[in-house]
Amino acid sequence: MSTDAGRQHEMERALKSLINVLQDSQKGLADLGQHLQGASLKHYVLAESLQRANFRAELENELHRAGVHDVHETGTAAGTLRRIWSDLKTKVVHGDHALLETAEQAEDIVKEAYASVMAHETLPLPLRELLVTHQSHVLASHDYLREQRDLAAVK
């Protein structure tokens, strides 16, 4: 395998992994958003779920441009388990604090996934710029959810 082909394969693998994490995030935020009590918070979390779907679509388009035509990622087993745990939590624990705690923990995973992909030094510049934009949004969302979690704890 040539060096260019090896880099291409590594980039494809990294992006598919990130797409899986974004799929988990999208589903998890949508599930959590349905159970939040605060209307503005519910709206924010559901909008973030849609944003994750948009990020996924943009990354899938990048893979298509790179010649990868079969991109059918479905999330991860760990993400499915987190959603099951979150669903159980919503049935047992009432209040936005516990749900926001779960959302923030899930966003930690998304942050780590972006950091992992960004560590690849051979990413083409347009893709790196797209990932930086995504990553900035994810970091801001994580911080907002953490702040809202902390506010919900004192209510």
C-alpha atoms as a PDB file:
ATOM      1  CA  MET A   1       0.000   0.000   0.000  1.00  0.00           C
ATOM      2  CA  SER A   2       1.469   3.356  -0.988  1.00  0.00           C
ATOM      3  CA  THR A   3       1.912   6.127   1.519  1.00  0.00           C
ATOM      4  CA  ASP A   4      -0.870   8.195  -0.084  1.00  0.00           C
ATOM      5  CA  ALA A   5      -3.238   5.215  -0.061  1.00  0.00           C
ATOM      6  CA  GLY A   6      -2.344   4.530   3.569  1.00  0.00           C
ATOM      7  CA  ARG A   7      -3.077   8.140   4.526  1.00  0.00           C
ATOM      8  CA  GLN A   8      -6.339   8.017   2.587  1.00  0.00           C
ATOM      9  CA  HIS A   9      -7.377   4.820   4.371  1.00  0.00           C
ATOM     10  CA  GLU A  10      -6.444   6.277   7.779  1.00  0.00           C
ATOM     11  CA  MET A  11      -8.428   9.455   7.058  1.00  0.00           C
ATOM     12  CA  GLU A  12     -11.422   7.368   5.947  1.00  0.00           C
ATOM     13  CA  ARG A  13     -11.259   5.250   9.103  1.00  0.00           C
ATOM     14  CA  ALA A  14     -10.959   8.320  11.346  1.00  0.00           C
ATOM     15  CA  LEU A  15     -13.875  10.110   9.681  1.00  0.00           C
ATOM     16  CA  LYS A  16     -16.098   7.027   9.838  1.00  0.00           C
ATOM     17  CA  SER A  17     -15.311   6.706  13.526  1.00  0.00           C
ATOM     18  CA  LEU A  18     -16.243  10.361  14.062  1.00  0.00           C
ATOM     19  CA  ILE A  19     -19.433   9.879  12.033  1.00  0.00           C
ATOM     20  CA  ASN A  20     -20.374   6.992  14.335  1.00  0.00           C
ATOM     21  CA  VAL A  21     -19.830   9.184  17.413  1.00  0.00           C
ATOM     22  CA  LEU A  22     -21.902  11.969  15.835  1.00  0.00           C
ATOM     23  CA  GLN A  23     -24.663   9.431  15.123  1.00  0.00           C
ATOM     24  CA  ASP A  24     -24.629   8.462  18.808  1.00  0.00           C
ATOM     25  CA  SER A  25     -24.669  12.126  19.823  1.00  0.00           C
ATOM     26  CA  GLN A  26     -27.545  12.930  17.495  1.00  0.00           C
ATOM     27  CA  LYS A  27     -29.691  10.083  18.801  1.00  0.00           C
ATOM     28  CA  GLY A  28     -28.748  10.699  22.420  1.00  0.00           C
ATOM     29  CA  LEU A  29     -29.510  14.415  22.295  1.00  0.00           C
ATOM     30  CA  ALA A  30     -32.830  13.758  20.562  1.00  0.00           C
ATOM     31  CA  ASP A  31     -33.778  11.232  23.252  1.00  0.00           C
ATOM     32  CA  LEU A  32     -32.723  13.511  26.097  1.00  0.00           C
ATOM     33  CA  GLY A  33     -34.406  16.513  24.548  1.00  0.00           C
ATOM     34  CA  GLN A  34     -37.743  14.725  24.654  1.00  0.00           C
ATOM     35  CA  HIS A  35     -37.471  14.362  28.439  1.00  0.00           C
ATOM     36  CA  LEU A  36     -36.175  17.786  29.463  1.00  0.00           C
ATOM     37  CA  GLN A  37     -38.670  19.925  31.338  1.00  0.00           C
ATOM     38  CA  GLY A  38     -37.396  23.416  30.490  1.00  0.00           C
ATOM     39  CA  ALA A  39     -38.809  24.551  27.129  1.00  0.00           C
ATOM     40  CA  SER A  40     -35.806  26.636  26.039  1.00  0.00           C
ATOM     41  CA  LEU A  41     -33.388  23.920  27.113  1.00  0.00           C
ATOM     42  CA  LYS A  42     -35.438  21.287  25.289  1.00  0.00           C
ATOM     43  CA  HIS A  43     -35.354  23.456  22.159  1.00  0.00           C
ATOM     44  CA  TYR A  44     -31.574  23.930  22.454  1.00  0.00           C
ATOM     45  CA  VAL A  45     -30.843  20.218  22.890  1.00  0.00           C
ATOM     46  CA  LEU A  46     -33.114  19.199  20.012  1.00  0.00           C
ATOM     47  CA  ALA A  47     -31.456  21.828  17.803  1.00  0.00           C
ATOM     48  CA  GLU A  48     -28.057  20.405  18.779  1.00  0.00           C
ATOM     49  CA  SER A  49     -29.285  16.967  17.747  1.00  0.00           C
ATOM     50  CA  LEU A  50     -30.091  18.369  14.301  1.00  0.00           C
ATOM     51  CA  GLN A  51     -26.690  20.060  14.209  1.00  0.00           C
ATOM     52  CA  ARG A  52     -24.993  16.704  14.803  1.00  0.00           C
ATOM     53  CA  ALA A  53     -26.951  15.289  11.846  1.00  0.00           C
ATOM     54  CA  ASN A  54     -25.686  18.205   9.759  1.00  0.00           C
ATOM     55  CA  PHE A  55     -22.097  17.573  10.870  1.00  0.00           C
ATOM     56  CA  ARG A  56     -22.489  13.898   9.931  1.00  0.00           C
ATOM     57  CA  ALA A  57     -23.809  14.827   6.480  1.00  0.00           C
ATOM     58  CA  GLU A  58     -20.916  17.218   5.882  1.00  0.00           C
ATOM     59  CA  LEU A  59     -18.368  14.544   6.819  1.00  0.00           C
ATOM     60  CA  GLU A  60     -20.132  11.936   4.686  1.00  0.00           C
ATOM     61  CA  ASN A  61     -19.946  14.395   1.766  1.00  0.00           C
ATOM     62  CA  GLU A  62     -16.211  14.774   2.371  1.00  0.00           C
ATOM     63  CA  LEU A  63     -15.820  11.001   2.205  1.00  0.00           C
ATOM     64  CA  HIS A  64     -17.851  10.905  -1.017  1.00  0.00           C
ATOM     65  CA  ARG A  65     -15.571  13.582  -2.497  1.00  0.00           C
ATOM     66  CA  ALA A  66     -12.594  11.420  -1.506  1.00  0.00           C
ATOM     67  CA  GLY A  67     -14.064   8.501  -3.454  1.00  0.00           C
ATOM     68  CA  VAL A  68     -15.712   6.589  -0.592  1.00  0.00           C
ATOM     69  CA  HIS A  69     -19.186   5.783  -1.830  1.00  0.00           C
ATOM     70  CA  ASP A  70     -20.443   3.405   0.823  1.00  0.00           C
ATOM     71  CA  VAL A  71     -20.868   5.398   4.036  1.00  0.00           C
ATOM     72  CA  HIS A  72     -23.552   3.781   6.163  1.00  0.00           C
ATOM     73  CA  GLU A  73     -22.444   4.291   9.741  1.00  0.00           C
ATOM     74  CA  THR A  74     -24.991   3.450  12.431  1.00  0.00           C
ATOM     75  CA  GLY A  75     -23.342   4.572  15.651  1.00  0.00           C
ATOM     76  CA  THR A  76     -21.499   2.492  18.211  1.00  0.00           C
ATOM     77  CA  ALA A  77     -22.463  -0.213  20.665  1.00  0.00           C
ATOM     78  CA  ALA A  78     -21.233   2.009  23.495  1.00  0.00           C
ATOM     79  CA  GLY A  79     -23.510   4.787  22.277  1.00  0.00           C
ATOM     80  CA  THR A  80     -26.473   2.422  22.248  1.00  0.00           C
ATOM     81  CA  LEU A  81     -25.696   1.380  25.817  1.00  0.00           C
ATOM     82  CA  ARG A  82     -25.425   5.024  26.897  1.00  0.00           C
ATOM     83  CA  ARG A  83     -28.843   5.735  25.362  1.00  0.00           C
ATOM     84  CA  ILE A  84     -30.359   2.730  27.151  1.00  0.00           C
ATOM     85  CA  TRP A  85     -28.824   3.948  30.431  1.00  0.00           C
ATOM     86  CA  SER A  86     -30.105   7.455  29.753  1.00  0.00           C
ATOM     87  CA  ASP A  87     -33.598   6.138  29.008  1.00  0.00           C
ATOM     88  CA  LEU A  88     -33.561   4.161  32.243  1.00  0.00           C
ATOM     89  CA  LYS A  89     -32.376   7.261  34.097  1.00  0.00           C
ATOM     90  CA  THR A  90     -35.293   9.312  32.728  1.00  0.00           C
ATOM     91  CA  LYS A  91     -37.737   6.745  34.069  1.00  0.00           C
ATOM     92  CA  VAL A  92     -36.152   6.665  37.531  1.00  0.00           C
ATOM     93  CA  VAL A  93     -34.738  10.147  38.095  1.00  0.00           C
ATOM     94  CA  HIS A  94     -36.817  13.238  37.555  1.00  0.00           C
ATOM     95  CA  GLY A  95     -35.447  16.643  36.734  1.00  0.00           C
ATOM     96  CA  ASP A  96     -33.206  18.240  34.189  1.00  0.00           C
ATOM     97  CA  HIS A  97     -30.000  18.023  36.252  1.00  0.00           C
ATOM     98  CA  ALA A  98     -29.504  14.267  35.782  1.00  0.00           C
ATOM     99  CA  LEU A  99     -30.365  14.500  32.088  1.00  0.00           C
ATOM    100  CA  LEU A 100     -27.947  17.362  31.549  1.00  0.00           C
ATOM    101  CA  GLU A 101     -25.273  15.445  33.417  1.00  0.00           C
ATOM    102  CA  THR A 102     -25.741  12.588  30.949  1.00  0.00           C
ATOM    103  CA  ALA A 103     -25.693  14.989  27.994  1.00  0.00           C
ATOM    104  CA  GLU A 104     -22.466  16.589  29.177  1.00  0.00           C
ATOM    105  CA  GLN A 105     -20.806  13.184  29.610  1.00  0.00           C
ATOM    106  CA  ALA A 106     -21.844  12.233  26.088  1.00  0.00           C
ATOM    107  CA  GLU A 107     -20.465  15.528  24.772  1.00  0.00           C
ATOM    108  CA  ASP A 108     -17.129  14.668  26.413  1.00  0.00           C
ATOM    109  CA  ILE A 109     -16.984  11.682  24.060  1.00  0.00           C
ATOM    110  CA  VAL A 110     -17.717  13.882  21.040  1.00  0.00           C
ATOM    111  CA  LYS A 111     -14.971  16.301  22.129  1.00  0.00           C
ATOM    112  CA  GLU A 112     -12.506  13.406  22.401  1.00  0.00           C
ATOM    113  CA  ALA A 113     -13.506  12.101  18.975  1.00  0.00           C
ATOM    114  CA  TYR A 114     -12.845  15.474  17.347  1.00  0.00           C
ATOM    115  CA  ALA A 115      -9.512  15.798  19.157  1.00  0.00           C
ATOM    116  CA  SER A 116      -8.537  12.342  17.919  1.00  0.00           C
ATOM    117  CA  VAL A 117      -9.333  13.152  14.294  1.00  0.00           C
ATOM    118  CA  MET A 118      -7.628  16.534  14.515  1.00  0.00           C
ATOM    119  CA  ALA A 119      -4.438  14.788  15.661  1.00  0.00           C
ATOM    120  CA  HIS A 120      -4.023  13.439  12.113  1.00  0.00           C
ATOM    121  CA  GLU A 121      -1.433  15.728  10.589  1.00  0.00           C
ATOM    122  CA  THR A 122      -2.181  14.744   6.998  1.00  0.00           C
ATOM    123  CA  LEU A 123      -5.766  16.026   6.831  1.00  0.00           C
ATOM    124  CA  PRO A 124      -6.330  18.177   3.760  1.00  0.00           C
ATOM    125  CA  LEU A 125      -6.721  21.859   4.659  1.00  0.00           C
ATOM    126  CA  PRO A 126     -10.405  22.206   3.631  1.00  0.00           C
ATOM    127  CA  LEU A 127     -11.315  19.165   5.741  1.00  0.00           C
ATOM    128  CA  ARG A 128      -9.258  20.428   8.680  1.00  0.00           C
ATOM    129  CA  GLU A 129     -11.058  23.797   8.485  1.00  0.00           C
ATOM    130  CA  LEU A 130     -14.435  22.042   8.475  1.00  0.00           C
ATOM    131  CA  LEU A 131     -13.427  19.945  11.473  1.00  0.00           C
ATOM    132  CA  VAL A 132     -12.194  23.025  13.357  1.00  0.00           C
ATOM    133  CA  THR A 133     -15.572  24.680  12.784  1.00  0.00           C
ATOM    134  CA  HIS A 134     -17.398  21.567  14.031  1.00  0.00           C
ATOM    135  CA  GLN A 135     -15.063  21.204  16.992  1.00  0.00           C
ATOM    136  CA  SER A 136     -15.546  24.830  18.056  1.00  0.00           C
ATOM    137  CA  HIS A 137     -19.311  24.362  18.003  1.00  0.00           C
ATOM    138  CA  VAL A 138     -19.103  21.117  19.989  1.00  0.00           C
ATOM    139  CA  LEU A 139     -16.886  22.744  22.623  1.00  0.00           C
ATOM    140  CA  ALA A 140     -19.297  25.660  23.002  1.00  0.00           C
ATOM    141  CA  SER A 141     -22.260  23.278  23.239  1.00  0.00           C
ATOM    142  CA  HIS A 142     -20.478  21.186  25.860  1.00  0.00           C
ATOM    143  CA  ASP A 143     -19.749  24.262  27.960  1.00  0.00           C
ATOM    144  CA  TYR A 144     -23.346  25.477  27.662  1.00  0.00           C
ATOM    145  CA  LEU A 145     -24.728  22.091  28.729  1.00  0.00           C
ATOM    146  CA  ARG A 146     -22.313  22.014  31.681  1.00  0.00           C
ATOM    147  CA  GLU A 147     -23.442  25.499  32.748  1.00  0.00           C
ATOM    148  CA  GLN A 148     -27.099  24.495  32.462  1.00  0.00           C
ATOM    149  CA  ARG A 149     -26.387  21.319  34.444  1.00  0.00           C
ATOM    150  CA  ASP A 150     -24.804  23.371  37.202  1.00  0.00           C
ATOM    151  CA  LEU A 151     -27.741  25.799  37.216  1.00  0.00           C
ATOM    152  CA  ALA A 152     -30.207  22.903  37.400  1.00  0.00           C
ATOM    153  CA  ALA A 153     -28.328  21.529  40.423  1.00  0.00           C
ATOM    154  CA  VAL A 154     -29.094  24.622  42.492  1.00  0.00           C
ATOM    155  CA  LYS A 155     -32.788  24.730  41.612  1.00  0.00           C
END
